[in-house]
Amino acid sequence: MANKFLVKLDEIQQEIKANNNKEILTIQDVCLMIGLSKSYIYRLTSERQIPHYKPLNKVIYFKRSEIELWIFKIESILLRNLKPNIIS
């Protein structure tokens, strides 16, 4: 059992390392990258809250650089909203 767990963990680590060099990401890549569920990412795309591409209305793709900028944008918004509550 422990051996299967270690093998699976090694597979996940290899996949993450392989995805670190990709500029074009799938929804699964984005889920791994930012730790959100697939359904929540789909919701964000349908509400146009996360940058994405959907060529020919098929599969959704993302640019790594745009997702990284989006993450920093979201973090800064959250921090700005938290600071007044911390001060008061």
C-alpha atoms as a PDB file:
ATOM      1  CA  MET A   1       0.000   0.000   0.000  1.00  0.00           C
ATOM      2  CA  ALA A   2       2.735   2.464   0.979  1.00  0.00           C
ATOM      3  CA  ASN A   3       4.666   1.527  -2.158  1.00  0.00           C
ATOM      4  CA  LYS A   4       1.665   2.343  -4.392  1.00  0.00           C
ATOM      5  CA  PHE A   5       1.313   5.669  -2.617  1.00  0.00           C
ATOM      6  CA  LEU A   6       4.987   6.510  -3.219  1.00  0.00           C
ATOM      7  CA  VAL A   7       4.733   5.542  -6.883  1.00  0.00           C
ATOM      8  CA  LYS A   8       1.637   7.738  -7.347  1.00  0.00           C
ATOM      9  CA  LEU A   9       3.333  10.612  -5.512  1.00  0.00           C
ATOM     10  CA  ASP A  10       6.357  10.290  -7.806  1.00  0.00           C
ATOM     11  CA  GLU A  11       4.068  10.358 -10.881  1.00  0.00           C
ATOM     12  CA  ILE A  12       2.387  13.538  -9.629  1.00  0.00           C
ATOM     13  CA  GLN A  13       5.751  15.193  -8.963  1.00  0.00           C
ATOM     14  CA  GLN A  14       6.965  14.315 -12.461  1.00  0.00           C
ATOM     15  CA  GLU A  15       3.778  15.733 -13.984  1.00  0.00           C
ATOM     16  CA  ILE A  16       4.151  18.967 -12.036  1.00  0.00           C
ATOM     17  CA  LYS A  17       7.773  19.319 -13.153  1.00  0.00           C
ATOM     18  CA  ALA A  18       6.770  18.712 -16.774  1.00  0.00           C
ATOM     19  CA  ASN A  19       3.981  21.298 -16.562  1.00  0.00           C
ATOM     20  CA  ASN A  20       6.258  23.981 -15.104  1.00  0.00           C
ATOM     21  CA  ASN A  21       7.744  24.569 -18.561  1.00  0.00           C
ATOM     22  CA  LYS A  22       4.451  24.737 -20.468  1.00  0.00           C
ATOM     23  CA  GLU A  23       3.122  28.150 -21.492  1.00  0.00           C
ATOM     24  CA  ILE A  24      -0.234  26.830 -22.746  1.00  0.00           C
ATOM     25  CA  LEU A  25      -2.175  25.058 -20.000  1.00  0.00           C
ATOM     26  CA  THR A  26      -5.252  22.864 -19.886  1.00  0.00           C
ATOM     27  CA  ILE A  27      -7.897  23.161 -17.215  1.00  0.00           C
ATOM     28  CA  GLN A  28      -6.284  20.232 -15.368  1.00  0.00           C
ATOM     29  CA  ASP A  29      -2.946  22.076 -15.367  1.00  0.00           C
ATOM     30  CA  VAL A  30      -4.593  25.182 -13.918  1.00  0.00           C
ATOM     31  CA  CYS A  31      -6.335  23.120 -11.226  1.00  0.00           C
ATOM     32  CA  LEU A  32      -2.969  21.706 -10.137  1.00  0.00           C
ATOM     33  CA  MET A  33      -1.290  25.089 -10.379  1.00  0.00           C
ATOM     34  CA  ILE A  34      -3.687  27.075  -8.223  1.00  0.00           C
ATOM     35  CA  GLY A  35      -5.416  24.373  -6.198  1.00  0.00           C
ATOM     36  CA  LEU A  36      -9.001  24.987  -7.288  1.00  0.00           C
ATOM     37  CA  SER A  37     -11.494  22.390  -8.475  1.00  0.00           C
ATOM     38  CA  LYS A  38     -12.278  21.861 -12.134  1.00  0.00           C
ATOM     39  CA  SER A  39     -15.901  22.914 -11.631  1.00  0.00           C
ATOM     40  CA  TYR A  40     -14.830  26.169  -9.979  1.00  0.00           C
ATOM     41  CA  ILE A  41     -12.412  26.939 -12.828  1.00  0.00           C
ATOM     42  CA  TYR A  42     -15.246  26.303 -15.305  1.00  0.00           C
ATOM     43  CA  ARG A  43     -17.428  28.709 -13.324  1.00  0.00           C
ATOM     44  CA  LEU A  44     -14.710  31.372 -13.399  1.00  0.00           C
ATOM     45  CA  THR A  45     -14.380  30.986 -17.169  1.00  0.00           C
ATOM     46  CA  SER A  46     -18.130  31.176 -17.749  1.00  0.00           C
ATOM     47  CA  GLU A  47     -18.258  34.358 -15.650  1.00  0.00           C
ATOM     48  CA  ARG A  48     -15.193  35.682 -17.526  1.00  0.00           C
ATOM     49  CA  GLN A  49     -13.313  36.185 -14.258  1.00  0.00           C
ATOM     50  CA  ILE A  50     -10.176  34.288 -15.308  1.00  0.00           C
ATOM     51  CA  PRO A  51      -8.274  34.794 -18.577  1.00  0.00           C
ATOM     52  CA  HIS A  52      -8.809  31.879 -20.944  1.00  0.00           C
ATOM     53  CA  TYR A  53      -9.130  30.873 -24.587  1.00  0.00           C
ATOM     54  CA  LYS A  54     -11.710  28.624 -26.175  1.00  0.00           C
ATOM     55  CA  PRO A  55     -10.832  28.190 -29.849  1.00  0.00           C
ATOM     56  CA  LEU A  56     -13.735  26.974 -31.980  1.00  0.00           C
ATOM     57  CA  ASN A  57     -15.857  26.726 -28.808  1.00  0.00           C
ATOM     58  CA  LYS A  58     -14.134  23.490 -27.840  1.00  0.00           C
ATOM     59  CA  VAL A  59     -11.451  22.886 -25.207  1.00  0.00           C
ATOM     60  CA  ILE A  60     -10.500  25.690 -22.797  1.00  0.00           C
ATOM     61  CA  TYR A  61      -6.850  26.761 -22.732  1.00  0.00           C
ATOM     62  CA  PHE A  62      -4.937  29.177 -20.520  1.00  0.00           C
ATOM     63  CA  LYS A  63      -1.629  31.042 -20.821  1.00  0.00           C
ATOM     64  CA  ARG A  64       0.636  30.425 -17.834  1.00  0.00           C
ATOM     65  CA  SER A  65       1.803  34.051 -17.751  1.00  0.00           C
ATOM     66  CA  GLU A  66      -1.794  35.340 -17.686  1.00  0.00           C
ATOM     67  CA  ILE A  67      -2.771  32.929 -14.899  1.00  0.00           C
ATOM     68  CA  GLU A  68       0.242  33.983 -12.831  1.00  0.00           C
ATOM     69  CA  LEU A  69      -0.715  37.659 -13.255  1.00  0.00           C
ATOM     70  CA  TRP A  70      -4.337  36.833 -12.388  1.00  0.00           C
ATOM     71  CA  ILE A  71      -3.206  35.107  -9.182  1.00  0.00           C
ATOM     72  CA  PHE A  72      -1.213  38.186  -8.112  1.00  0.00           C
ATOM     73  CA  LYS A  73      -4.156  40.435  -8.971  1.00  0.00           C
ATOM     74  CA  ILE A  74      -6.554  38.354  -6.857  1.00  0.00           C
ATOM     75  CA  GLU A  75      -4.077  38.237  -3.951  1.00  0.00           C
ATOM     76  CA  SER A  76      -3.626  42.018  -3.981  1.00  0.00           C
ATOM     77  CA  ILE A  77      -7.403  42.565  -4.016  1.00  0.00           C
ATOM     78  CA  LEU A  78      -7.821  40.206  -1.066  1.00  0.00           C
ATOM     79  CA  LEU A  79      -5.028  41.896   0.882  1.00  0.00           C
ATOM     80  CA  ARG A  80      -6.493  45.369   0.254  1.00  0.00           C
ATOM     81  CA  ASN A  81      -9.866  44.170   1.511  1.00  0.00           C
ATOM     82  CA  LEU A  82      -8.353  42.555   4.614  1.00  0.00           C
ATOM     83  CA  LYS A  83      -6.166  45.480   5.731  1.00  0.00           C
ATOM     84  CA  PRO A  84      -9.013  47.788   6.853  1.00  0.00           C
ATOM     85  CA  ASN A  85     -10.465  44.955   8.938  1.00  0.00           C
ATOM     86  CA  ILE A  86      -7.104  44.263  10.564  1.00  0.00           C
ATOM     87  CA  ILE A  87      -6.512  47.922  11.444  1.00  0.00           C
ATOM     88  CA  SER A  88      -9.952  48.500  12.993  1.00  0.00           C
END
